Amino acid sequence: MKLNKPVIVILAGLLGLSIAGVARAADAKDEGKPAAEKKETAPFKSVNVGEFEKLRADSKNVVLDVRTREEYAAGHIPGAVNIDVNAPDFQEKISKLDKNKTYLVHCAAGVRSARACDRMSRLDFSKLYNLGGGFRAWEKAGNKAEK
């Protein structure tokens, strides 16, 4: 298909407008904030099963299972602590944890644990790792659950 010059110019112009609009929206979001606040950093890091296992090898790190009590009882990562992210007392329980420790957070598939990490980061937990794919990915990689 051969495009003529006016069509190419119009398409290039539309693309330029789209990119400029996205940039303006991002700038508007940061407008009025001090430079230090404009720098965005992720409140936690998502890791794969291999990285998770390397971190889990350090006994000082805490494996935090944020699934329900029933899911945990059916099988969990050995040594994991269970605090249900959907429980009404989740905030209260995590606020009692040591904020200086490293937490390896997981759920069944990675969605609830990302939410838990986000909530924990707002309480000044700074060393948070979310297991991408969650417990299912951990088991699929050949790891054995504890009951």
N, C-alpha and C. Protein backbone atom coordinates (compact mmCIF):
# COMPACT_ATOMS: atom_id res chain seq x y z
N MET A 1 0.85 -1.18 0.00
CA MET A 1 0.00 0.00 0.00
C MET A 1 0.89 1.23 0.00
N LYS A 2 0.62 2.14 -0.92
CA LYS A 2 1.42 3.34 -1.04
C LYS A 2 0.64 4.51 -0.44
N LEU A 3 1.26 5.21 0.53
CA LEU A 3 0.64 6.38 1.14
C LEU A 3 1.17 7.63 0.45
N ASN A 4 0.27 8.57 0.21
CA ASN A 4 0.76 9.81 -0.40
C ASN A 4 1.25 10.75 0.69
N LYS A 5 1.98 11.76 0.29
CA LYS A 5 2.65 12.66 1.22
C LYS A 5 1.67 13.36 2.17
N PRO A 6 0.53 13.90 1.73
CA PRO A 6 -0.39 14.56 2.67
C PRO A 6 -0.90 13.63 3.78
N VAL A 7 -1.15 12.36 3.48
CA VAL A 7 -1.62 11.40 4.48
C VAL A 7 -0.54 11.16 5.52
N ILE A 8 0.69 11.02 5.07
CA ILE A 8 1.82 10.80 5.98
C ILE A 8 1.99 12.01 6.90
N VAL A 9 1.88 13.20 6.36
CA VAL A 9 2.03 14.42 7.15
C VAL A 9 0.93 14.49 8.21
N ILE A 10 -0.30 14.17 7.83
CA ILE A 10 -1.42 14.21 8.78
C ILE A 10 -1.22 13.19 9.89
N LEU A 11 -0.82 11.97 9.53
CA LEU A 11 -0.60 10.92 10.53
C LEU A 11 0.54 11.30 11.49
N ALA A 12 1.61 11.86 10.96
CA ALA A 12 2.73 12.29 11.80
C ALA A 12 2.28 13.40 12.75
N GLY A 13 1.45 14.31 12.27
CA GLY A 13 0.94 15.38 13.12
C GLY A 13 0.07 14.85 14.24
N LEU A 14 -0.79 13.91 13.94
CA LEU A 14 -1.65 13.31 14.97
C LEU A 14 -0.83 12.57 16.01
N LEU A 15 0.18 11.85 15.59
CA LEU A 15 1.05 11.16 16.51
C LEU A 15 1.77 12.15 17.43
N GLY A 16 2.24 13.23 16.86
CA GLY A 16 2.91 14.27 17.65
C GLY A 16 1.98 14.88 18.69
N LEU A 17 0.74 15.14 18.32
CA LEU A 17 -0.24 15.68 19.26
C LEU A 17 -0.52 14.71 20.39
N SER A 18 -0.61 13.43 20.06
CA SER A 18 -0.87 12.41 21.09
C SER A 18 0.26 12.36 22.10
N ILE A 19 1.48 12.35 21.63
CA ILE A 19 2.65 12.28 22.51
C ILE A 19 2.72 13.54 23.38
N ALA A 20 2.47 14.70 22.79
CA ALA A 20 2.50 15.95 23.55
C ALA A 20 1.42 15.95 24.62
N GLY A 21 0.25 15.42 24.31
CA GLY A 21 -0.84 15.36 25.28
C GLY A 21 -0.50 14.50 26.47
N VAL A 22 0.13 13.38 26.23
CA VAL A 22 0.53 12.48 27.32
C VAL A 22 1.57 13.17 28.20
N ALA A 23 2.52 13.83 27.58
CA ALA A 23 3.56 14.53 28.33
C ALA A 23 2.96 15.65 29.17
N ARG A 24 2.02 16.43 28.60
CA ARG A 24 1.37 17.50 29.36
C ARG A 24 0.58 16.95 30.54
N ALA A 25 -0.09 15.82 30.36
CA ALA A 25 -0.86 15.21 31.44
C ALA A 25 0.07 14.78 32.58
N ALA A 26 1.20 14.21 32.24
CA ALA A 26 2.17 13.79 33.25
C ALA A 26 2.74 15.00 33.98
N ASP A 27 3.03 16.07 33.24
CA ASP A 27 3.55 17.28 33.86
C ASP A 27 2.51 17.91 34.78
N ALA A 28 1.25 17.92 34.36
CA ALA A 28 0.18 18.52 35.15
C ALA A 28 0.03 17.77 36.47
N LYS A 29 0.20 16.46 36.45
CA LYS A 29 0.09 15.65 37.66
C LYS A 29 1.14 16.07 38.68
N ASP A 30 2.34 16.42 38.20
CA ASP A 30 3.44 16.79 39.09
C ASP A 30 3.53 18.28 39.36
N GLU A 31 2.70 19.07 38.71
CA GLU A 31 2.77 20.51 38.86
C GLU A 31 2.57 20.92 40.31
N GLY A 32 3.40 21.80 40.78
CA GLY A 32 3.27 22.30 42.14
C GLY A 32 3.94 21.44 43.19
N LYS A 33 4.50 20.31 42.81
CA LYS A 33 5.19 19.45 43.76
C LYS A 33 6.67 19.83 43.80
N PRO A 34 7.30 19.73 44.96
CA PRO A 34 8.75 19.95 45.03
C PRO A 34 9.46 18.90 44.18
N ALA A 35 10.65 19.24 43.72
CA ALA A 35 11.40 18.34 42.84
C ALA A 35 11.60 16.96 43.47
N ALA A 36 11.82 16.90 44.78
CA ALA A 36 12.04 15.62 45.44
C ALA A 36 10.82 14.72 45.35
N GLU A 37 9.62 15.32 45.34
CA GLU A 37 8.40 14.52 45.27
C GLU A 37 8.09 14.08 43.85
N LYS A 38 8.63 14.75 42.86
CA LYS A 38 8.34 14.41 41.47
C LYS A 38 9.00 13.11 41.05
N LYS A 39 10.08 12.77 41.71
CA LYS A 39 10.78 11.54 41.37
C LYS A 39 9.92 10.37 41.85
N GLU A 40 9.50 9.54 40.92
CA GLU A 40 8.64 8.42 41.27
C GLU A 40 9.48 7.16 41.47
N THR A 41 9.27 6.52 42.61
CA THR A 41 9.92 5.25 42.86
C THR A 41 8.84 4.25 43.22
N ALA A 42 9.04 3.02 42.81
CA ALA A 42 8.07 1.98 43.12
C ALA A 42 8.12 1.67 44.61
N PRO A 43 6.95 1.51 45.23
CA PRO A 43 6.94 1.21 46.66
C PRO A 43 7.39 -0.21 46.98
N PHE A 44 7.45 -1.06 45.96
CA PHE A 44 7.90 -2.43 46.14
C PHE A 44 8.41 -2.95 44.81
N LYS A 45 9.10 -4.08 44.87
CA LYS A 45 9.63 -4.68 43.66
C LYS A 45 8.97 -6.04 43.44
N SER A 46 8.51 -6.29 42.23
CA SER A 46 7.98 -7.61 41.89
C SER A 46 9.14 -8.48 41.43
N VAL A 47 9.16 -9.72 41.90
CA VAL A 47 10.23 -10.65 41.56
C VAL A 47 9.64 -11.96 41.06
N ASN A 48 10.43 -12.69 40.30
CA ASN A 48 10.00 -14.01 39.83
C ASN A 48 10.34 -15.05 40.90
N VAL A 49 9.96 -16.29 40.65
CA VAL A 49 10.16 -17.36 41.62
C VAL A 49 11.64 -17.54 41.96
N GLY A 50 12.52 -17.49 40.97
CA GLY A 50 13.95 -17.65 41.22
C GLY A 50 14.50 -16.58 42.15
N GLU A 51 14.14 -15.32 41.88
CA GLU A 51 14.59 -14.22 42.74
C GLU A 51 13.99 -14.35 44.14
N PHE A 52 12.73 -14.74 44.20
CA PHE A 52 12.04 -14.93 45.48
C PHE A 52 12.77 -15.98 46.32
N GLU A 53 13.14 -17.08 45.69
CA GLU A 53 13.83 -18.15 46.41
C GLU A 53 15.20 -17.71 46.91
N LYS A 54 15.90 -16.91 46.12
CA LYS A 54 17.20 -16.38 46.57
C LYS A 54 17.00 -15.51 47.81
N LEU A 55 15.96 -14.65 47.78
CA LEU A 55 15.67 -13.80 48.93
C LEU A 55 15.21 -14.62 50.13
N ARG A 56 14.47 -15.67 49.87
CA ARG A 56 13.95 -16.53 50.94
C ARG A 56 15.07 -17.30 51.63
N ALA A 57 16.18 -17.50 50.95
CA ALA A 57 17.32 -18.22 51.54
C ALA A 57 17.90 -17.47 52.73
N ASP A 58 17.68 -16.17 52.79
CA ASP A 58 18.15 -15.37 53.92
C ASP A 58 17.11 -15.49 55.03
N SER A 59 17.45 -16.15 56.12
CA SER A 59 16.50 -16.43 57.19
C SER A 59 16.01 -15.16 57.90
N LYS A 60 16.67 -14.04 57.68
CA LYS A 60 16.21 -12.78 58.30
C LYS A 60 15.00 -12.21 57.56
N ASN A 61 14.82 -12.61 56.31
CA ASN A 61 13.68 -12.12 55.52
C ASN A 61 12.41 -12.86 55.93
N VAL A 62 11.29 -12.16 55.89
CA VAL A 62 10.01 -12.72 56.32
C VAL A 62 9.14 -12.99 55.10
N VAL A 63 8.67 -14.24 54.97
CA VAL A 63 7.72 -14.59 53.92
C VAL A 63 6.33 -14.30 54.47
N LEU A 64 5.61 -13.41 53.80
CA LEU A 64 4.29 -12.99 54.25
C LEU A 64 3.24 -13.46 53.24
N ASP A 65 2.40 -14.38 53.68
CA ASP A 65 1.32 -14.95 52.87
C ASP A 65 0.06 -14.15 53.18
N VAL A 66 -0.47 -13.43 52.19
CA VAL A 66 -1.63 -12.56 52.43
C VAL A 66 -2.94 -13.18 51.94
N ARG A 67 -2.94 -14.50 51.74
CA ARG A 67 -4.16 -15.19 51.35
C ARG A 67 -5.05 -15.42 52.57
N THR A 68 -6.20 -16.02 52.35
CA THR A 68 -7.11 -16.32 53.46
C THR A 68 -6.53 -17.43 54.32
N ARG A 69 -7.08 -17.56 55.52
CA ARG A 69 -6.64 -18.61 56.44
C ARG A 69 -6.87 -20.00 55.83
N GLU A 70 -7.97 -20.14 55.09
CA GLU A 70 -8.29 -21.42 54.45
C GLU A 70 -7.28 -21.76 53.35
N GLU A 71 -6.92 -20.77 52.54
CA GLU A 71 -5.92 -20.99 51.49
C GLU A 71 -4.58 -21.38 52.10
N TYR A 72 -4.20 -20.67 53.16
CA TYR A 72 -2.95 -20.94 53.86
C TYR A 72 -2.93 -22.37 54.40
N ALA A 73 -4.05 -22.80 55.04
CA ALA A 73 -4.14 -24.13 55.63
C ALA A 73 -4.06 -25.23 54.57
N ALA A 74 -4.53 -24.95 53.37
CA ALA A 74 -4.50 -25.94 52.28
C ALA A 74 -3.08 -26.17 51.77
N GLY A 75 -2.17 -25.26 52.03
CA GLY A 75 -0.77 -25.39 51.61
C GLY A 75 -0.13 -24.03 51.51
N HIS A 76 1.08 -23.91 52.06
CA HIS A 76 1.77 -22.63 52.06
C HIS A 76 3.29 -22.83 51.96
N ILE A 77 3.97 -21.75 51.69
CA ILE A 77 5.43 -21.77 51.61
C ILE A 77 5.95 -22.00 53.03
N PRO A 78 6.87 -22.96 53.21
CA PRO A 78 7.39 -23.24 54.55
C PRO A 78 7.91 -21.98 55.25
N GLY A 79 7.46 -21.82 56.49
CA GLY A 79 7.91 -20.68 57.30
C GLY A 79 7.13 -19.40 57.09
N ALA A 80 6.15 -19.41 56.19
CA ALA A 80 5.39 -18.20 55.90
C ALA A 80 4.49 -17.79 57.06
N VAL A 81 4.35 -16.48 57.23
CA VAL A 81 3.44 -15.90 58.20
C VAL A 81 2.18 -15.51 57.43
N ASN A 82 1.01 -15.81 57.98
CA ASN A 82 -0.25 -15.54 57.29
C ASN A 82 -0.98 -14.35 57.89
N ILE A 83 -1.18 -13.31 57.08
CA ILE A 83 -2.01 -12.17 57.44
C ILE A 83 -2.86 -11.85 56.22
N ASP A 84 -4.15 -12.13 56.30
CA ASP A 84 -5.09 -11.96 55.18
C ASP A 84 -5.26 -10.49 54.83
N VAL A 85 -4.90 -10.12 53.60
CA VAL A 85 -5.00 -8.72 53.16
C VAL A 85 -6.44 -8.23 53.14
N ASN A 86 -7.41 -9.13 53.00
CA ASN A 86 -8.81 -8.73 52.95
C ASN A 86 -9.49 -8.74 54.32
N ALA A 87 -8.78 -9.15 55.35
CA ALA A 87 -9.35 -9.18 56.70
C ALA A 87 -9.49 -7.75 57.24
N PRO A 88 -10.51 -7.50 58.04
CA PRO A 88 -10.70 -6.15 58.58
C PRO A 88 -9.55 -5.67 59.46
N ASP A 89 -8.80 -6.61 60.05
CA ASP A 89 -7.70 -6.22 60.94
C ASP A 89 -6.33 -6.24 60.26
N PHE A 90 -6.30 -6.30 58.92
CA PHE A 90 -5.02 -6.36 58.21
C PHE A 90 -4.13 -5.18 58.58
N GLN A 91 -4.65 -3.97 58.50
CA GLN A 91 -3.87 -2.77 58.80
C GLN A 91 -3.30 -2.82 60.21
N GLU A 92 -4.13 -3.23 61.15
CA GLU A 92 -3.70 -3.32 62.55
C GLU A 92 -2.57 -4.33 62.72
N LYS A 93 -2.71 -5.49 62.08
CA LYS A 93 -1.69 -6.54 62.21
C LYS A 93 -0.37 -6.15 61.56
N ILE A 94 -0.43 -5.57 60.36
CA ILE A 94 0.85 -5.23 59.72
C ILE A 94 1.53 -4.05 60.40
N SER A 95 0.76 -3.19 61.03
CA SER A 95 1.37 -2.05 61.72
C SER A 95 2.21 -2.50 62.91
N LYS A 96 1.99 -3.73 63.38
CA LYS A 96 2.77 -4.28 64.50
C LYS A 96 4.06 -4.96 64.04
N LEU A 97 4.22 -5.13 62.73
CA LEU A 97 5.42 -5.79 62.20
C LEU A 97 6.62 -4.84 62.22
N ASP A 98 7.82 -5.40 62.24
CA ASP A 98 9.07 -4.63 62.23
C ASP A 98 9.28 -4.03 60.84
N LYS A 99 9.26 -2.72 60.73
CA LYS A 99 9.39 -2.03 59.45
C LYS A 99 10.80 -2.09 58.87
N ASN A 100 11.76 -2.52 59.67
CA ASN A 100 13.14 -2.60 59.20
C ASN A 100 13.46 -3.93 58.53
N LYS A 101 12.55 -4.89 58.62
CA LYS A 101 12.79 -6.20 58.01
C LYS A 101 12.41 -6.18 56.54
N THR A 102 12.88 -7.19 55.83
CA THR A 102 12.54 -7.39 54.43
C THR A 102 11.38 -8.38 54.37
N TYR A 103 10.33 -8.00 53.61
CA TYR A 103 9.14 -8.84 53.50
C TYR A 103 8.98 -9.35 52.07
N LEU A 104 8.83 -10.68 51.97
CA LEU A 104 8.61 -11.36 50.70
C LEU A 104 7.12 -11.71 50.68
N VAL A 105 6.34 -10.93 49.98
CA VAL A 105 4.89 -11.00 50.06
C VAL A 105 4.33 -11.79 48.88
N HIS A 106 3.35 -12.66 49.18
CA HIS A 106 2.71 -13.41 48.10
C HIS A 106 1.26 -13.71 48.44
N CYS A 107 0.50 -13.97 47.39
CA CYS A 107 -0.88 -14.46 47.51
C CYS A 107 -0.99 -15.63 46.55
N ALA A 108 -2.15 -15.88 45.99
CA ALA A 108 -2.30 -17.00 45.07
C ALA A 108 -1.71 -16.69 43.70
N ALA A 109 -1.98 -15.48 43.17
CA ALA A 109 -1.55 -15.16 41.80
C ALA A 109 -0.77 -13.85 41.68
N GLY A 110 -0.68 -13.06 42.72
CA GLY A 110 0.11 -11.83 42.68
C GLY A 110 -0.66 -10.54 42.78
N VAL A 111 -1.99 -10.59 42.72
CA VAL A 111 -2.79 -9.35 42.75
C VAL A 111 -2.97 -8.85 44.18
N ARG A 112 -3.43 -9.72 45.06
CA ARG A 112 -3.62 -9.31 46.46
C ARG A 112 -2.31 -8.92 47.12
N SER A 113 -1.24 -9.65 46.78
CA SER A 113 0.05 -9.32 47.39
C SER A 113 0.57 -7.97 46.91
N ALA A 114 0.30 -7.60 45.68
CA ALA A 114 0.68 -6.26 45.20
C ALA A 114 -0.09 -5.20 45.99
N ARG A 115 -1.37 -5.47 46.23
CA ARG A 115 -2.19 -4.53 47.01
C ARG A 115 -1.66 -4.45 48.45
N ALA A 116 -1.28 -5.60 49.02
CA ALA A 116 -0.73 -5.62 50.38
C ALA A 116 0.58 -4.83 50.44
N CYS A 117 1.44 -5.01 49.44
CA CYS A 117 2.71 -4.26 49.40
C CYS A 117 2.45 -2.77 49.31
N ASP A 118 1.48 -2.39 48.52
CA ASP A 118 1.14 -0.98 48.40
C ASP A 118 0.68 -0.42 49.75
N ARG A 119 -0.19 -1.14 50.42
CA ARG A 119 -0.68 -0.70 51.72
C ARG A 119 0.46 -0.65 52.74
N MET A 120 1.35 -1.62 52.71
CA MET A 120 2.48 -1.64 53.63
C MET A 120 3.45 -0.50 53.35
N SER A 121 3.65 -0.18 52.10
CA SER A 121 4.58 0.91 51.75
C SER A 121 4.06 2.24 52.30
N ARG A 122 2.75 2.40 52.36
CA ARG A 122 2.17 3.63 52.93
C ARG A 122 2.41 3.73 54.44
N LEU A 123 2.74 2.61 55.06
CA LEU A 123 3.06 2.59 56.49
C LEU A 123 4.58 2.60 56.71
N ASP A 124 5.33 2.97 55.67
CA ASP A 124 6.78 3.12 55.73
C ASP A 124 7.58 1.82 55.77
N PHE A 125 7.00 0.72 55.28
CA PHE A 125 7.80 -0.48 55.06
C PHE A 125 8.56 -0.22 53.77
N SER A 126 9.87 -0.37 53.80
CA SER A 126 10.65 0.01 52.62
C SER A 126 11.25 -1.17 51.86
N LYS A 127 11.29 -2.34 52.47
CA LYS A 127 11.90 -3.51 51.81
C LYS A 127 10.83 -4.55 51.55
N LEU A 128 10.12 -4.34 50.43
CA LEU A 128 9.00 -5.20 50.06
C LEU A 128 9.22 -5.83 48.70
N TYR A 129 9.00 -7.13 48.62
CA TYR A 129 9.12 -7.86 47.37
C TYR A 129 7.84 -8.65 47.14
N ASN A 130 7.23 -8.45 45.99
CA ASN A 130 6.00 -9.15 45.61
C ASN A 130 6.35 -10.31 44.68
N LEU A 131 5.85 -11.50 45.02
CA LEU A 131 6.10 -12.67 44.17
C LEU A 131 5.16 -12.63 42.98
N GLY A 132 5.69 -12.32 41.81
CA GLY A 132 4.91 -12.30 40.58
C GLY A 132 4.39 -13.70 40.28
N GLY A 133 3.09 -13.80 40.03
CA GLY A 133 2.49 -15.11 39.77
C GLY A 133 2.07 -15.83 41.04
N GLY A 134 2.52 -15.32 42.17
CA GLY A 134 2.09 -15.82 43.47
C GLY A 134 2.43 -17.27 43.77
N PHE A 135 1.68 -17.81 44.71
CA PHE A 135 1.87 -19.18 45.19
C PHE A 135 1.73 -20.19 44.06
N ARG A 136 0.83 -19.92 43.13
CA ARG A 136 0.66 -20.84 41.99
C ARG A 136 1.95 -20.97 41.18
N ALA A 137 2.59 -19.84 40.91
CA ALA A 137 3.85 -19.86 40.16
C ALA A 137 4.94 -20.56 40.97
N TRP A 138 4.93 -20.35 42.27
CA TRP A 138 5.92 -20.97 43.16
C TRP A 138 5.78 -22.49 43.11
N GLU A 139 4.54 -22.99 43.20
CA GLU A 139 4.30 -24.44 43.12
C GLU A 139 4.61 -24.98 41.72
N LYS A 140 4.22 -24.24 40.70
CA LYS A 140 4.44 -24.67 39.31
C LYS A 140 5.95 -24.83 39.04
N ALA A 141 6.77 -24.07 39.75
CA ALA A 141 8.22 -24.16 39.58
C ALA A 141 8.80 -25.40 40.26
N GLY A 142 7.91 -26.22 40.87
CA GLY A 142 8.38 -27.47 41.46
C GLY A 142 8.61 -27.42 42.96
N ASN A 143 8.27 -26.32 43.59
CA ASN A 143 8.46 -26.21 45.05
C ASN A 143 7.32 -26.92 45.78
N LYS A 144 7.64 -27.47 46.93
CA LYS A 144 6.68 -28.23 47.72
C LYS A 144 6.10 -27.38 48.85
N ALA A 145 4.79 -27.38 48.93
CA ALA A 145 4.08 -26.63 49.97
C ALA A 145 4.08 -27.39 51.29
N GLU A 146 3.94 -26.62 52.34
CA GLU A 146 3.82 -27.16 53.69
C GLU A 146 2.35 -27.06 54.10
N LYS A 147 1.87 -28.03 54.87
CA LYS A 147 0.48 -27.98 55.35
C LYS A 147 0.44 -27.97 56.85
